[in-house]
Amino acid sequence: MTDLSPADVNGLEWAATRGMGALAEKMGMQFTEFSVQRCVATMPVEGNTQPVGLLHGGAYVVLGESLGSMAANLHAGPGRLAVGVDINATHTRSATSGTVTGVCTPLHLGRTITVHEIVVTDDQGRRCSTIRITNHIKDLPQK
């Protein structure tokens, strides 16, 4: 990646080049929008359920952490790395079929700390989970 500022980068291209990671891929996540100010991804319910057929609470958290961490890394820019230090999720509805959509927006974009909120909704647009993630940004070691 070049030394462009995060505002100059096409977020979807950046995310595709970087990759979502093996877990996100196994869970069927797909980014549909990606910028420093707003990231959106979808995930199927099928294959990500608990034994009673509800979307697993951990699946909501994986979707939220994938969005929030990737957004923080785009904000961090070249030569820097964002790592999660805190995550919180409140599940308010259970998805049982279809697809859920996570929308990630920043609450704070600092030089060393970011905080993002991720709202996950079902196919009917009903909020199922609200996730907040805090990431610490640090410089990568010089090679």
Protein backbone atom coordinates (compact mmCIF):
# COMPACT_ATOMS: atom_id res chain seq x y z
CA MET A 1 0.00 0.00 0.00
CA THR A 2 1.23 3.51 -0.73
CA ASP A 3 1.67 6.32 1.76
CA LEU A 4 -1.69 7.85 0.90
CA SER A 5 -3.86 9.22 3.67
CA PRO A 6 -6.87 7.04 4.58
CA ALA A 7 -9.15 9.60 2.89
CA ASP A 8 -7.33 9.00 -0.43
CA VAL A 9 -7.75 5.21 -0.35
CA ASN A 10 -10.59 3.26 -1.97
CA GLY A 11 -11.73 1.37 1.12
CA LEU A 12 -13.31 -1.61 -0.65
CA GLU A 13 -10.16 -2.13 -2.72
CA TRP A 14 -8.01 -1.77 0.41
CA ALA A 15 -10.16 -4.31 2.30
CA ALA A 16 -10.09 -6.75 -0.63
CA THR A 17 -6.31 -6.48 -0.90
CA ARG A 18 -5.82 -6.91 2.84
CA GLY A 19 -8.42 -9.67 3.16
CA MET A 20 -10.99 -10.16 5.91
CA GLY A 21 -9.21 -13.03 7.60
CA ALA A 22 -9.94 -16.74 7.68
CA LEU A 23 -12.67 -16.57 10.35
CA ALA A 24 -14.65 -13.85 8.58
CA GLU A 25 -14.38 -15.76 5.31
CA LYS A 26 -15.56 -19.02 6.96
CA MET A 27 -18.55 -17.15 8.36
CA GLY A 28 -19.49 -15.83 4.92
CA MET A 29 -18.96 -12.11 5.59
CA GLN A 30 -18.91 -9.75 2.65
CA PHE A 31 -18.00 -6.06 2.74
CA THR A 32 -20.37 -3.90 0.72
CA GLU A 33 -19.14 -0.44 1.76
CA PHE A 34 -15.84 0.57 3.31
CA SER A 35 -14.49 3.97 4.31
CA VAL A 36 -13.10 5.58 7.46
CA GLN A 37 -16.55 7.05 8.20
CA ARG A 38 -18.76 4.03 7.41
CA CYS A 39 -18.19 0.32 6.86
CA VAL A 40 -20.91 -2.17 5.99
CA ALA A 41 -20.77 -5.97 5.79
CA THR A 42 -23.29 -8.78 5.55
CA MET A 43 -23.23 -12.27 7.02
CA PRO A 44 -25.60 -15.22 6.50
CA VAL A 45 -27.45 -16.61 9.49
CA GLU A 46 -27.26 -20.15 8.10
CA GLY A 47 -24.06 -21.85 9.20
CA ASN A 48 -23.54 -19.38 12.07
CA THR A 49 -26.25 -20.54 14.48
CA GLN A 50 -26.32 -22.03 17.94
CA PRO A 51 -28.04 -25.44 18.43
CA VAL A 52 -31.56 -23.93 18.71
CA GLY A 53 -31.32 -22.16 15.34
CA LEU A 54 -30.60 -18.58 16.49
CA LEU A 55 -27.65 -16.63 15.15
CA HIS A 56 -24.90 -17.28 17.69
CA GLY A 57 -24.13 -14.27 19.90
CA GLY A 58 -20.44 -14.78 19.15
CA ALA A 59 -21.20 -14.46 15.43
CA TYR A 60 -22.56 -10.96 16.03
CA VAL A 61 -19.35 -10.13 17.90
CA VAL A 62 -17.12 -11.54 15.15
CA LEU A 63 -18.98 -9.41 12.59
CA GLY A 64 -18.62 -6.35 14.81
CA GLU A 65 -14.95 -6.92 15.55
CA SER A 66 -14.15 -7.60 11.90
CA LEU A 67 -15.78 -4.31 10.86
CA GLY A 68 -14.41 -2.23 13.74
CA SER A 69 -10.86 -3.53 13.54
CA MET A 70 -10.67 -3.19 9.78
CA ALA A 71 -12.08 0.35 9.98
CA ALA A 72 -9.53 1.26 12.67
CA ASN A 73 -6.70 -0.12 10.53
CA LEU A 74 -7.83 1.91 7.53
CA HIS A 75 -7.87 5.01 9.76
CA ALA A 76 -4.42 4.14 11.18
CA GLY A 77 -2.79 4.33 7.77
CA PRO A 78 0.43 2.82 6.45
CA GLY A 79 3.10 1.78 8.92
CA ARG A 80 0.61 1.56 11.79
CA LEU A 81 -1.49 -1.25 13.24
CA ALA A 82 -4.78 -1.13 15.14
CA VAL A 83 -5.42 -3.90 17.67
CA GLY A 84 -8.58 -4.48 19.65
CA VAL A 85 -8.38 -3.81 23.38
CA ASP A 86 -12.06 -3.86 24.40
CA ILE A 87 -15.33 -5.09 22.91
CA ASN A 88 -18.88 -5.02 24.24
CA ALA A 89 -22.07 -6.40 22.71
CA THR A 90 -25.72 -6.12 23.65
CA HIS A 91 -28.03 -8.52 21.79
CA THR A 92 -31.63 -7.31 21.61
CA ARG A 93 -33.20 -9.58 18.98
CA SER A 94 -32.43 -12.99 17.49
CA ALA A 95 -32.00 -13.55 13.77
CA THR A 96 -33.10 -17.03 12.66
CA SER A 97 -32.80 -16.85 8.88
CA GLY A 98 -31.59 -14.72 6.01
CA THR A 99 -28.73 -12.28 6.35
CA VAL A 100 -27.65 -9.79 8.97
CA THR A 101 -26.01 -6.49 8.11
CA GLY A 102 -23.47 -4.69 10.26
CA VAL A 103 -22.99 -0.93 9.92
CA CYS A 104 -19.86 0.42 11.59
CA THR A 105 -19.41 4.11 12.38
CA PRO A 106 -16.69 5.84 14.38
CA LEU A 107 -17.42 7.38 17.76
CA HIS A 108 -13.80 8.54 18.19
CA LEU A 109 -10.90 8.57 15.71
CA GLY A 110 -7.74 9.53 17.54
CA ARG A 111 -4.05 9.12 16.87
CA THR A 112 -3.70 6.13 19.23
CA ILE A 113 -7.29 5.13 20.12
CA THR A 114 -10.40 4.53 18.03
CA VAL A 115 -13.91 3.66 19.22
CA HIS A 116 -16.50 2.30 16.78
CA GLU A 117 -20.15 1.36 17.13
CA ILE A 118 -21.51 -1.46 15.01
CA VAL A 119 -25.28 -1.86 14.64
CA VAL A 120 -26.37 -5.27 13.33
CA THR A 121 -29.82 -5.59 11.79
CA ASP A 122 -31.82 -8.43 10.26
CA ASP A 123 -33.41 -8.54 6.79
CA GLN A 124 -36.39 -6.54 8.10
CA GLY A 125 -34.12 -3.75 9.36
CA ARG A 126 -34.68 -4.64 13.03
CA ARG A 127 -31.72 -4.08 15.37
CA CYS A 128 -30.40 -7.39 16.67
CA SER A 129 -27.14 -6.36 18.31
CA THR A 130 -25.17 -3.24 19.20
CA ILE A 131 -21.41 -3.66 19.49
CA ARG A 132 -18.76 -1.20 20.63
CA ILE A 133 -15.07 -1.83 20.00
CA THR A 134 -12.02 0.13 21.13
CA ASN A 135 -8.76 -0.28 19.19
CA HIS A 136 -5.27 0.85 20.12
CA ILE A 137 -3.15 2.14 17.23
CA LYS A 138 0.59 1.60 17.37
CA ASP A 139 3.49 2.04 14.99
CA LEU A 140 4.76 -1.08 13.26
CA PRO A 141 8.40 -1.87 14.06
CA GLN A 142 10.93 -0.57 11.53
CA LYS A 143 12.37 -3.33 9.34
